[in-house]
Amino acid sequence: MKIENLKESLLSLHLKTMAEILEQTLKKAEQENLSPADLLLILASQELAARQQRRVKNLIAQANLPVIKTIDAFDFSFPKTINKSQVMSLFDLHFVEKKENVILMGPPGTGKTHLALSLAYQACLQGIKTSFTTAINLINQLSASLADNSFLKTMKTFTSPRLLAIDELGYLPVDKQGAELLFQVISNRYECGSMVVTTNRAFRDWGAILNNDNTLASAAIDRLVHHGMLVQIKGESYRVK
């Protein structure tokens, strides 16, 4: 009866894992002659581990990753040019702590999205609130929010995460409103949060991407690279292979 009452008390305190493992842990304590402090340490450690697992699971779900990619699965031997040590150095995520950016630049099919997804996934594993989107999806969501008066709320979904990954910038041209909305996200996150941006276009072509607005393109590039690292990848498409 005491054990059942204790379980109920643990559940009331939202200590679900401790309640679930209570009986087996009490038996272990009796068999191994553990002290009360050792018993509590086991219960607390398991509760904390379970909570961390749930938190990571929630972060991954909230990040909207289309698929899970890891750096271990990336084929560094395929791109004609890639600085492996530079890429690997990103996975300590110090750039997120420093609120810096990463620009992954290269032709289609050279692994930019894989690397961006891997960084986003690693950030989730480290307990960092992350969001992954494409440039067009970001613009479409913000454009739609202007019509239903939810702009500030929608903008917050792109500015509140500590890490925002924007994929496929430059694959499709955007109109004046889209270019301005994208710039607002970049500007609002400047020195406030980190971004990982993938693009198949050199900086000199960004004006053409952003409604032929070279001034806006220059301002966006300036904010991205001021506290940022450029990773250039060259080679043929892995998908074609």
Protein backbone atom coordinates (compact mmCIF):
# COMPACT_ATOMS: atom_id res chain seq x y z
CA MET A 1 0.00 0.00 0.00
CA LYS A 2 2.84 2.38 0.82
CA ILE A 3 4.41 1.76 -2.59
CA GLU A 4 1.13 2.46 -4.36
CA ASN A 5 0.67 5.66 -2.38
CA LEU A 6 4.21 6.68 -3.24
CA LYS A 7 3.56 6.01 -6.93
CA GLU A 8 0.48 8.19 -6.79
CA SER A 9 2.47 10.96 -5.14
CA LEU A 10 5.18 10.73 -7.80
CA LEU A 11 2.59 10.89 -10.57
CA SER A 12 0.99 13.91 -8.90
CA LEU A 13 4.40 15.57 -9.03
CA HIS A 14 4.66 14.65 -12.75
CA LEU A 15 7.52 12.24 -12.04
CA LYS A 16 6.19 9.57 -14.39
CA THR A 17 9.43 7.70 -15.01
CA MET A 18 10.24 7.52 -11.29
CA ALA A 19 6.81 6.04 -10.67
CA GLU A 20 7.26 3.48 -13.45
CA ILE A 21 10.63 2.20 -12.22
CA LEU A 22 9.97 2.56 -8.49
CA GLU A 23 9.31 -1.10 -7.64
CA GLN A 24 12.21 -2.54 -9.64
CA THR A 25 14.54 0.11 -8.24
CA LEU A 26 13.45 -0.68 -4.66
CA LYS A 27 14.19 -4.36 -5.30
CA LYS A 28 17.59 -3.45 -6.74
CA ALA A 29 18.32 -1.31 -3.69
CA GLU A 30 17.43 -4.18 -1.37
CA GLN A 31 19.46 -6.75 -3.31
CA GLU A 32 22.54 -4.54 -3.55
CA ASN A 33 22.15 -2.93 -0.15
CA LEU A 34 22.04 0.56 -1.63
CA SER A 35 21.79 3.60 0.59
CA PRO A 36 18.73 5.88 0.45
CA ALA A 37 20.90 8.47 -1.33
CA ASP A 38 21.92 5.91 -3.98
CA LEU A 39 18.29 4.92 -4.45
CA LEU A 40 17.20 8.52 -4.93
CA LEU A 41 20.10 9.15 -7.31
CA ILE A 42 19.03 6.25 -9.54
CA LEU A 43 15.41 7.40 -9.59
CA ALA A 44 16.29 11.04 -10.26
CA SER A 45 18.83 10.18 -12.97
CA GLN A 46 16.33 8.03 -14.85
CA GLU A 47 13.67 10.73 -14.59
CA LEU A 48 16.05 13.35 -15.97
CA ALA A 49 17.15 11.07 -18.83
CA ALA A 50 13.55 10.35 -19.80
CA ARG A 51 12.69 14.05 -19.75
CA GLN A 52 15.67 14.84 -21.96
CA GLN A 53 14.57 12.17 -24.44
CA ARG A 54 11.07 13.63 -24.56
CA ARG A 55 12.46 17.14 -25.00
CA VAL A 56 14.66 16.08 -27.92
CA LYS A 57 11.74 14.22 -29.51
CA ASN A 58 9.58 17.34 -29.24
CA LEU A 59 12.35 19.57 -30.64
CA ILE A 60 12.75 17.28 -33.66
CA ALA A 61 9.00 17.35 -34.28
CA GLN A 62 8.86 21.15 -33.95
CA ALA A 63 11.83 21.60 -36.30
CA ASN A 64 9.77 20.33 -39.27
CA LEU A 65 12.64 18.26 -40.66
CA PRO A 66 11.38 16.58 -43.86
CA VAL A 67 13.79 13.68 -43.22
CA ILE A 68 16.44 12.87 -40.65
CA LYS A 69 19.99 13.22 -41.97
CA THR A 70 23.25 12.77 -40.08
CA ILE A 71 26.77 13.86 -40.88
CA ASP A 72 27.93 10.23 -40.62
CA ALA A 73 25.93 9.43 -43.75
CA PHE A 74 27.45 12.27 -45.80
CA ASP A 75 29.80 11.15 -48.61
CA PHE A 76 32.71 13.57 -48.48
CA SER A 77 34.43 11.73 -51.32
CA PHE A 78 31.83 12.68 -53.92
CA PRO A 79 32.00 16.51 -54.18
CA LYS A 80 34.87 17.70 -56.35
CA THR A 81 35.66 20.39 -53.79
CA ILE A 82 34.63 20.55 -50.15
CA ASN A 83 36.53 21.49 -46.99
CA LYS A 84 35.78 18.53 -44.73
CA SER A 85 37.52 19.97 -41.67
CA GLN A 86 35.57 23.21 -42.07
CA VAL A 87 32.28 21.33 -42.29
CA MET A 88 33.05 19.03 -39.36
CA SER A 89 33.97 22.01 -37.19
CA LEU A 90 30.38 23.24 -37.49
CA PHE A 91 28.99 20.26 -35.62
CA ASP A 92 30.23 21.46 -32.25
CA LEU A 93 27.51 24.11 -32.79
CA HIS A 94 29.66 26.90 -31.38
CA PHE A 95 28.37 29.08 -34.21
CA VAL A 96 24.89 28.81 -32.66
CA GLU A 97 26.21 29.90 -29.28
CA LYS A 98 27.86 32.89 -30.98
CA LYS A 99 24.73 33.66 -33.04
CA GLU A 100 26.69 33.27 -36.27
CA ASN A 101 25.54 32.03 -39.68
CA VAL A 102 26.56 29.33 -42.13
CA ILE A 103 26.07 29.69 -45.88
CA LEU A 104 26.31 26.44 -47.84
CA MET A 105 26.90 27.38 -51.49
CA GLY A 106 27.18 25.04 -54.45
CA PRO A 107 25.46 23.48 -57.49
CA PRO A 108 22.31 21.37 -57.07
CA GLY A 109 22.87 17.85 -55.80
CA THR A 110 26.18 18.45 -54.03
CA GLY A 111 24.88 17.78 -50.51
CA LYS A 112 23.93 21.21 -49.22
CA THR A 113 20.50 20.13 -47.98
CA HIS A 114 21.98 17.01 -46.36
CA LEU A 115 24.43 19.15 -44.41
CA ALA A 116 21.75 21.66 -43.41
CA LEU A 117 19.46 18.87 -42.20
CA SER A 118 22.33 17.25 -40.31
CA LEU A 119 23.14 20.51 -38.53
CA ALA A 120 19.48 21.05 -37.68
CA TYR A 121 19.17 17.50 -36.33
CA GLN A 122 22.37 17.84 -34.29
CA ALA A 123 21.04 21.07 -32.81
CA CYS A 124 17.84 19.30 -31.73
CA LEU A 125 19.90 16.57 -30.07
CA GLN A 126 21.74 19.28 -28.14
CA GLY A 127 18.47 20.77 -26.90
CA ILE A 128 18.53 23.77 -29.25
CA LYS A 129 15.20 25.02 -30.57
CA THR A 130 15.46 24.74 -34.34
CA SER A 131 13.32 25.30 -37.43
CA PHE A 132 13.89 24.04 -40.98
CA THR A 133 12.17 25.49 -44.04
CA THR A 134 12.73 26.31 -47.69
CA ALA A 135 13.04 29.90 -48.83
CA ILE A 136 9.84 29.66 -50.87
CA ASN A 137 7.87 28.07 -48.04
CA LEU A 138 9.04 30.80 -45.66
CA ILE A 139 7.93 33.50 -48.10
CA ASN A 140 4.61 31.79 -48.80
CA GLN A 141 3.80 31.46 -45.11
CA LEU A 142 4.60 35.09 -44.41
CA SER A 143 2.67 36.26 -47.48
CA ALA A 144 -0.39 34.29 -46.40
CA SER A 145 -0.13 35.73 -42.89
CA LEU A 146 -0.49 39.25 -44.28
CA ALA A 147 -3.96 38.33 -45.49
CA ASP A 148 -5.28 36.94 -42.19
CA ASN A 149 -3.57 39.41 -39.84
CA SER A 150 -1.28 36.76 -38.32
CA PHE A 151 1.95 38.29 -39.64
CA LEU A 152 3.61 38.99 -36.29
CA LYS A 153 2.80 35.50 -35.00
CA THR A 154 4.10 33.87 -38.19
CA MET A 155 7.22 36.02 -38.22
CA LYS A 156 7.92 34.88 -34.65
CA THR A 157 8.01 31.25 -35.82
CA PHE A 158 11.04 32.19 -37.94
CA THR A 159 12.73 34.54 -35.49
CA SER A 160 12.28 32.74 -32.15
CA PRO A 161 14.26 29.50 -32.82
CA ARG A 162 17.94 29.74 -31.90
CA LEU A 163 18.74 28.11 -35.25
CA LEU A 164 16.82 28.65 -38.48
CA ALA A 165 17.76 26.63 -41.57
CA ILE A 166 16.61 28.12 -44.88
CA ASP A 167 17.01 25.69 -47.77
CA GLU A 168 17.02 26.26 -51.53
CA LEU A 169 17.54 30.01 -51.65
CA GLY A 170 17.89 30.91 -55.32
CA TYR A 171 16.16 27.92 -56.87
CA LEU A 172 13.12 30.06 -57.69
CA PRO A 173 12.98 33.85 -58.18
CA VAL A 174 10.77 35.82 -55.82
CA ASP A 175 8.70 38.96 -56.32
CA LYS A 176 9.15 42.30 -54.55
CA GLN A 177 7.02 41.34 -51.55
CA GLY A 178 8.73 37.98 -51.20
CA ALA A 179 12.19 39.55 -51.35
CA GLU A 180 11.23 42.08 -48.68
CA LEU A 181 9.75 39.39 -46.41
CA LEU A 182 12.86 37.24 -46.70
CA PHE A 183 15.02 40.25 -45.91
CA GLN A 184 12.90 41.00 -42.82
CA VAL A 185 13.63 37.53 -41.45
CA ILE A 186 17.36 37.88 -42.11
CA SER A 187 17.40 41.38 -40.64
CA ASN A 188 15.39 40.44 -37.54
CA ARG A 189 17.70 37.52 -36.81
CA TYR A 190 20.88 39.54 -37.35
CA GLU A 191 23.04 39.16 -34.21
CA CYS A 192 20.01 37.63 -32.44
CA GLY A 193 20.01 34.06 -33.76
CA SER A 194 21.88 31.75 -36.11
CA MET A 195 20.95 30.73 -39.64
CA VAL A 196 22.04 27.99 -41.99
CA VAL A 197 21.31 28.99 -45.59
CA THR A 198 21.75 26.78 -48.63
CA THR A 199 22.00 28.33 -52.07
CA ASN A 200 22.96 27.29 -55.58
CA ARG A 201 23.73 30.87 -56.62
CA ALA A 202 26.84 32.96 -56.09
CA PHE A 203 26.41 36.19 -54.16
CA ARG A 204 26.76 38.23 -57.35
CA ASP A 205 23.52 36.63 -58.59
CA TRP A 206 21.40 37.33 -55.52
CA GLY A 207 20.08 40.58 -56.96
CA ALA A 208 18.48 38.62 -59.79
CA ILE A 209 16.96 36.21 -57.28
CA LEU A 210 15.50 38.98 -55.13
CA ASN A 211 13.37 40.79 -57.70
CA ASN A 212 16.43 42.42 -59.32
CA ASP A 213 16.93 44.49 -56.19
CA ASN A 214 20.70 44.69 -55.82
CA THR A 215 20.48 47.04 -52.84
CA LEU A 216 18.30 44.66 -50.87
CA ALA A 217 20.46 41.69 -51.93
CA SER A 218 23.62 43.48 -50.74
CA ALA A 219 22.00 44.29 -47.40
CA ALA A 220 20.93 40.65 -46.93
CA ILE A 221 24.38 39.31 -47.83
CA ASP A 222 26.05 41.83 -45.53
CA ARG A 223 24.00 40.64 -42.54
CA LEU A 224 24.55 36.96 -43.33
CA VAL A 225 28.32 37.10 -43.81
CA HIS A 226 29.20 39.68 -41.16
CA HIS A 227 29.10 36.94 -38.51
CA GLY A 228 29.13 33.97 -40.86
CA MET A 229 31.07 31.20 -42.50
CA LEU A 230 30.85 30.41 -46.21
CA VAL A 231 31.16 26.74 -47.14
CA GLN A 232 31.68 26.33 -50.88
CA ILE A 233 30.97 22.98 -52.52
CA LYS A 234 31.77 22.15 -56.13
CA GLY A 235 31.01 19.07 -58.19
CA GLU A 236 28.37 17.16 -60.11
CA SER A 237 24.95 16.19 -58.79
CA TYR A 238 24.93 13.15 -56.52
CA ARG A 239 21.31 12.51 -57.50
CA VAL A 240 22.29 12.29 -61.16
CA LYS A 241 24.92 9.73 -60.20
